[in-house]
Amino acid sequence: MASLRYHAGRMVLYEEEPFVWRVKIKTKEGKLNLPLKSKELEPALIEAEYLYADARCMSRDHPLCIDCIHHLVIKAECGLGMPEGKASGGVWAKDCAYFWEKKI
């Protein structure tokens, strides 16, 4: 199967062999090539999106809503219903009481 490219090519999802998915993630610090636990395409894509969000979080010097454990990547919204993840792009996540602690 061909590779699937997301986020302007910064995340590439591909099937290494039947039912073995991997994701390549490009960050400012370098490239990651990670195995996925999911065996089917849709769960593999969701798992890859969360790994991509984690990699982006670790490469930034300030938190955004997407860094939060309550942020739903596929829906691009806060899982707790806070407006922060929807309208502002998450720039005020550092002030959110539900945001997980991140030392900067």
C-alpha atoms as a PDB file:
ATOM      1  CA  MET A   1       0.000   0.000   0.000  1.00  0.00           C
ATOM      2  CA  ALA A   2       1.185   3.519  -0.732  1.00  0.00           C
ATOM      3  CA  SER A   3       2.036   5.942   2.026  1.00  0.00           C
ATOM      4  CA  LEU A   4      -0.480   8.493   3.271  1.00  0.00           C
ATOM      5  CA  ARG A   5       0.840  12.012   3.838  1.00  0.00           C
ATOM      6  CA  TYR A   6      -0.638  14.464   6.366  1.00  0.00           C
ATOM      7  CA  HIS A   7       0.260  17.876   7.782  1.00  0.00           C
ATOM      8  CA  ALA A   8       2.098  19.017   4.638  1.00  0.00           C
ATOM      9  CA  GLY A   9       4.181  15.846   4.625  1.00  0.00           C
ATOM     10  CA  ARG A  10       5.355  16.176   8.226  1.00  0.00           C
ATOM     11  CA  MET A  11       3.464  12.985   9.102  1.00  0.00           C
ATOM     12  CA  VAL A  12       3.569   9.969   6.796  1.00  0.00           C
ATOM     13  CA  LEU A  13       1.525   6.880   7.617  1.00  0.00           C
ATOM     14  CA  TYR A  14       2.491   3.684   5.813  1.00  0.00           C
ATOM     15  CA  GLU A  15       1.983  -0.054   5.979  1.00  0.00           C
ATOM     16  CA  GLU A  16       5.331  -1.798   6.382  1.00  0.00           C
ATOM     17  CA  GLU A  17       3.877  -5.242   5.775  1.00  0.00           C
ATOM     18  CA  PRO A  18       0.291  -6.483   5.960  1.00  0.00           C
ATOM     19  CA  PHE A  19      -1.333  -5.217   9.174  1.00  0.00           C
ATOM     20  CA  VAL A  20       1.861  -3.540  10.451  1.00  0.00           C
ATOM     21  CA  TRP A  21       1.519   0.256  10.398  1.00  0.00           C
ATOM     22  CA  ARG A  22       4.290   2.785  10.992  1.00  0.00           C
ATOM     23  CA  VAL A  23       4.426   6.561  11.079  1.00  0.00           C
ATOM     24  CA  LYS A  24       7.257   8.899  10.064  1.00  0.00           C
ATOM     25  CA  ILE A  25       7.176  12.278  11.803  1.00  0.00           C
ATOM     26  CA  LYS A  26       9.388  15.248  10.923  1.00  0.00           C
ATOM     27  CA  THR A  27      10.136  17.761  13.690  1.00  0.00           C
ATOM     28  CA  LYS A  28      12.551  20.664  13.994  1.00  0.00           C
ATOM     29  CA  GLU A  29      14.948  18.405  15.889  1.00  0.00           C
ATOM     30  CA  GLY A  30      14.885  15.518  13.413  1.00  0.00           C
ATOM     31  CA  LYS A  31      12.839  12.618  12.126  1.00  0.00           C
ATOM     32  CA  LEU A  32      10.996   9.877  14.007  1.00  0.00           C
ATOM     33  CA  ASN A  33       9.927   6.511  12.625  1.00  0.00           C
ATOM     34  CA  LEU A  34       7.564   4.808  15.062  1.00  0.00           C
ATOM     35  CA  PRO A  35       5.634   1.526  15.011  1.00  0.00           C
ATOM     36  CA  LEU A  36       1.891   1.634  15.661  1.00  0.00           C
ATOM     37  CA  LYS A  37      -0.117  -0.892  17.677  1.00  0.00           C
ATOM     38  CA  SER A  38      -3.224  -0.602  15.490  1.00  0.00           C
ATOM     39  CA  LYS A  39      -3.756  -3.202  12.782  1.00  0.00           C
ATOM     40  CA  GLU A  40      -6.348  -1.329  10.680  1.00  0.00           C
ATOM     41  CA  LEU A  41      -6.080   2.005   8.858  1.00  0.00           C
ATOM     42  CA  GLU A  42      -8.552   4.149  10.826  1.00  0.00           C
ATOM     43  CA  PRO A  43      -7.266   3.310  14.334  1.00  0.00           C
ATOM     44  CA  ALA A  44      -3.689   3.596  13.015  1.00  0.00           C
ATOM     45  CA  LEU A  45      -4.436   7.097  11.730  1.00  0.00           C
ATOM     46  CA  ILE A  46      -5.844   8.201  15.092  1.00  0.00           C
ATOM     47  CA  GLU A  47      -2.837   6.714  16.919  1.00  0.00           C
ATOM     48  CA  ALA A  48      -0.474   8.438  14.467  1.00  0.00           C
ATOM     49  CA  GLU A  49      -2.243  11.796  14.971  1.00  0.00           C
ATOM     50  CA  TYR A  50      -1.725  11.567  18.733  1.00  0.00           C
ATOM     51  CA  LEU A  51       1.955  10.671  18.277  1.00  0.00           C
ATOM     52  CA  TYR A  52       2.312  13.603  15.883  1.00  0.00           C
ATOM     53  CA  ALA A  53       0.683  15.927  18.433  1.00  0.00           C
ATOM     54  CA  ASP A  54       3.048  14.639  21.141  1.00  0.00           C
ATOM     55  CA  ALA A  55       6.093  15.179  18.920  1.00  0.00           C
ATOM     56  CA  ARG A  56       4.997  18.733  18.083  1.00  0.00           C
ATOM     57  CA  CYS A  57       4.342  19.429  21.767  1.00  0.00           C
ATOM     58  CA  MET A  58       7.835  18.372  22.771  1.00  0.00           C
ATOM     59  CA  SER A  59       9.420  20.514  20.055  1.00  0.00           C
ATOM     60  CA  ARG A  60       7.602  23.743  21.113  1.00  0.00           C
ATOM     61  CA  ASP A  61       8.564  26.071  23.932  1.00  0.00           C
ATOM     62  CA  HIS A  62       4.958  26.966  24.902  1.00  0.00           C
ATOM     63  CA  PRO A  63       1.868  24.782  25.375  1.00  0.00           C
ATOM     64  CA  LEU A  64      -1.153  24.799  23.068  1.00  0.00           C
ATOM     65  CA  CYS A  65      -4.501  23.053  23.451  1.00  0.00           C
ATOM     66  CA  ILE A  66      -3.353  20.247  21.179  1.00  0.00           C
ATOM     67  CA  ASP A  67      -0.756  19.380  23.854  1.00  0.00           C
ATOM     68  CA  CYS A  68      -3.500  18.695  26.405  1.00  0.00           C
ATOM     69  CA  ILE A  69      -4.612  15.155  27.210  1.00  0.00           C
ATOM     70  CA  HIS A  70      -8.229  16.324  26.826  1.00  0.00           C
ATOM     71  CA  HIS A  71      -7.764  17.659  23.275  1.00  0.00           C
ATOM     72  CA  LEU A  72      -9.501  15.498  20.675  1.00  0.00           C
ATOM     73  CA  VAL A  73      -7.151  15.552  17.690  1.00  0.00           C
ATOM     74  CA  ILE A  74      -9.551  14.363  15.011  1.00  0.00           C
ATOM     75  CA  LYS A  75     -12.332  16.776  16.042  1.00  0.00           C
ATOM     76  CA  ALA A  76      -9.881  19.617  16.857  1.00  0.00           C
ATOM     77  CA  GLU A  77     -11.763  20.459  20.020  1.00  0.00           C
ATOM     78  CA  CYS A  78     -11.496  20.182  23.780  1.00  0.00           C
ATOM     79  CA  GLY A  79     -12.912  16.924  25.144  1.00  0.00           C
ATOM     80  CA  LEU A  80     -14.189  18.809  28.189  1.00  0.00           C
ATOM     81  CA  GLY A  81     -16.132  21.289  26.085  1.00  0.00           C
ATOM     82  CA  MET A  82     -13.927  24.279  26.847  1.00  0.00           C
ATOM     83  CA  PRO A  83     -14.033  26.850  24.012  1.00  0.00           C
ATOM     84  CA  GLU A  84     -10.253  27.132  24.094  1.00  0.00           C
ATOM     85  CA  GLY A  85      -9.598  24.310  21.645  1.00  0.00           C
ATOM     86  CA  LYS A  86     -12.245  25.444  19.157  1.00  0.00           C
ATOM     87  CA  ALA A  87     -12.054  29.170  18.524  1.00  0.00           C
ATOM     88  CA  SER A  88      -8.689  30.477  19.633  1.00  0.00           C
ATOM     89  CA  GLY A  89      -6.435  27.804  18.190  1.00  0.00           C
ATOM     90  CA  GLY A  90      -5.315  26.945  21.705  1.00  0.00           C
ATOM     91  CA  VAL A  91      -3.089  29.942  22.341  1.00  0.00           C
ATOM     92  CA  TRP A  92      -4.446  30.376  25.871  1.00  0.00           C
ATOM     93  CA  ALA A  93      -3.933  26.770  26.965  1.00  0.00           C
ATOM     94  CA  LYS A  94      -1.350  27.849  29.517  1.00  0.00           C
ATOM     95  CA  ASP A  95      -4.198  29.486  31.467  1.00  0.00           C
ATOM     96  CA  CYS A  96      -6.577  26.498  31.260  1.00  0.00           C
ATOM     97  CA  ALA A  97      -7.260  24.862  34.637  1.00  0.00           C
ATOM     98  CA  TYR A  98      -7.698  21.476  32.944  1.00  0.00           C
ATOM     99  CA  PHE A  99      -4.358  21.595  31.130  1.00  0.00           C
ATOM    100  CA  TRP A 100      -1.852  18.965  32.223  1.00  0.00           C
ATOM    101  CA  GLU A 101       1.250  20.373  33.881  1.00  0.00           C
ATOM    102  CA  LYS A 102       4.153  21.118  31.575  1.00  0.00           C
ATOM    103  CA  LYS A 103       7.373  22.635  32.812  1.00  0.00           C
ATOM    104  CA  ILE A 104       8.817  25.214  30.427  1.00  0.00           C
END
